[in-house]
Amino acid sequence: METIDEGGMVADRVVVNGASIRPVKQPAALFTGAHAPPSDLRVRRHISWERASILFLILFYAAAVSYSWHRVWWTPQPLGLDAGADVFSEGRALRTTSVLADDIGDRAVTTPGNKVAAQYLYDEGRKLQAFAAEHRPDLDVQVDWEEATGAVSMMLIHQRITNAYRGVHNLVVAITPKALPPGAKALLLNAHFDNTLGSPGASDCASCVGVLMEVARTVVADERVRLESPLLVLLNGAEETFLQASHGFAQSSKWAPQVGAFINLESTGNGGPDVVFQHTAHWTVETYAASAVFPRGSVIGQDIFDMGLLPADTDFRMFSYGHHGAWPGLDIAFLLDAAAYHTDRDTTSRIRAGTLQAAGDNLMAVVPAMAARLARGAAEGARGPARASAYMDFLGLYMITWSPEVARWVHALPLVLAAAAAVAAGLPPW
């Protein structure tokens, strides 16, 4: 018997008595014992795996984008007017917001409504003072109405101006545990109650005032909240006229020397959420990241402001060192739905449900934490330079921060890796 190869096929030819028997052809692979499928089948399977991988990636990214979008707009369930006195209530914060934006209306500087709003907030502060006198013998609550006059040389849209003011209103609610030693540094919470012309100013920034008034009320009503530093709530009546009232407070208020750190609350949109977008001193944003219930923030906002790319400003500039002020602090703002910002659409009804609840829940956690850091000496050297830090949140679930030293290494690492890859490939690193 002979074995021959005919066109890639194996044939057996058997010669019997000089005659050849017709060969039976078999695939060479079968004959040799291999079991690989035909090449066209392997190609089809390869294409199927490619399509499955692409489909998986599409579904994965669609799910990731969908969940990220959900987290951006997510807010907690808001509590109403009937919520317990010992918890923060969006309903009560919105009630204050509505009085300012809907009942009083125009509160721009020099208008009658500005002083009416100041009187309303002063009366609300006195109610809180009376409640504390009756129910919280461990707290000393004072309410002060100050008027500031002064001037500041400042940059406005890349031009230096002198911004002079007279008789702008500042309302201060001071909450001090009586057990604290004299001279203890205080945590300042700030928001403005004036509005820009042509806008009801519900979100910007009657809602901020509503949140801070409700925070102050909850701190007094809830005996479980233990302040290790005094708390000053500043409600200023002249922010839209280029930060006049906050400058007046920092320069002339009798409460200013007591301040050790601050949190400024602002708004550029009715949709929330409350986002940290500026800070001074690493410990401030570090404390926020560790204590906030729904931490949100990104150092990108700080970069934009520091580079002067946005022709806007907040009271943060008058308080923080590195600018006109002398204190470490945080700048927090509502960001989404900015189409209503400084327009007649900035109404109370447009404020998205849950936005103020999230801000209040965050502050009720952050305020005691920052007060504790102040008590441990974080304010030492407050009237000198301090390091900022880099920070970012992950979908509002948690926040990471890192120091300037680590940031420099992180930012330099891609350049080092690119140069190393170029050298490894035999290319000049430049």
Foldseek 3Di string as FASTA:
>chain_A
DDWDADPQWIWDWDADPNDTDDTDTDHPCVVVPHDDDDPVVVVVVVVVVVVVVVVVVVVVVVVVVVVLVCLQQDFDFAAAPPDDLQAQGLNQLLVQLCCLLPVLNACAPPDPSVVVNVVVVQVLQVVLQVVCVVPPPQKHKDKDKDFFWDWDFDAFLNDTDIQTDGGWIKIKIKIFGPPADPLQAEEEEEAERHADPAASCSVFPSSSVSLLSSLSSNCSRHPVQDFLGMYMYMYTHHPVSPQVRLLRCCPPNPCNVRHLEYEYEGELAQSDAKEWADWAAAVLVVLLQVWFQQYFYFPVSVVCVVVVVDSDDGSCQSDAPVHNHQHTYTYIYGYPHNVSGNHHNSDSVSRDRRRSVSVNSRCSGSNRSVSVVSSVPPSVRSRHHHFHWGKGADSRRGIDIDGPVVVVVVVCVVLVVQLVVCVVVVHHSD
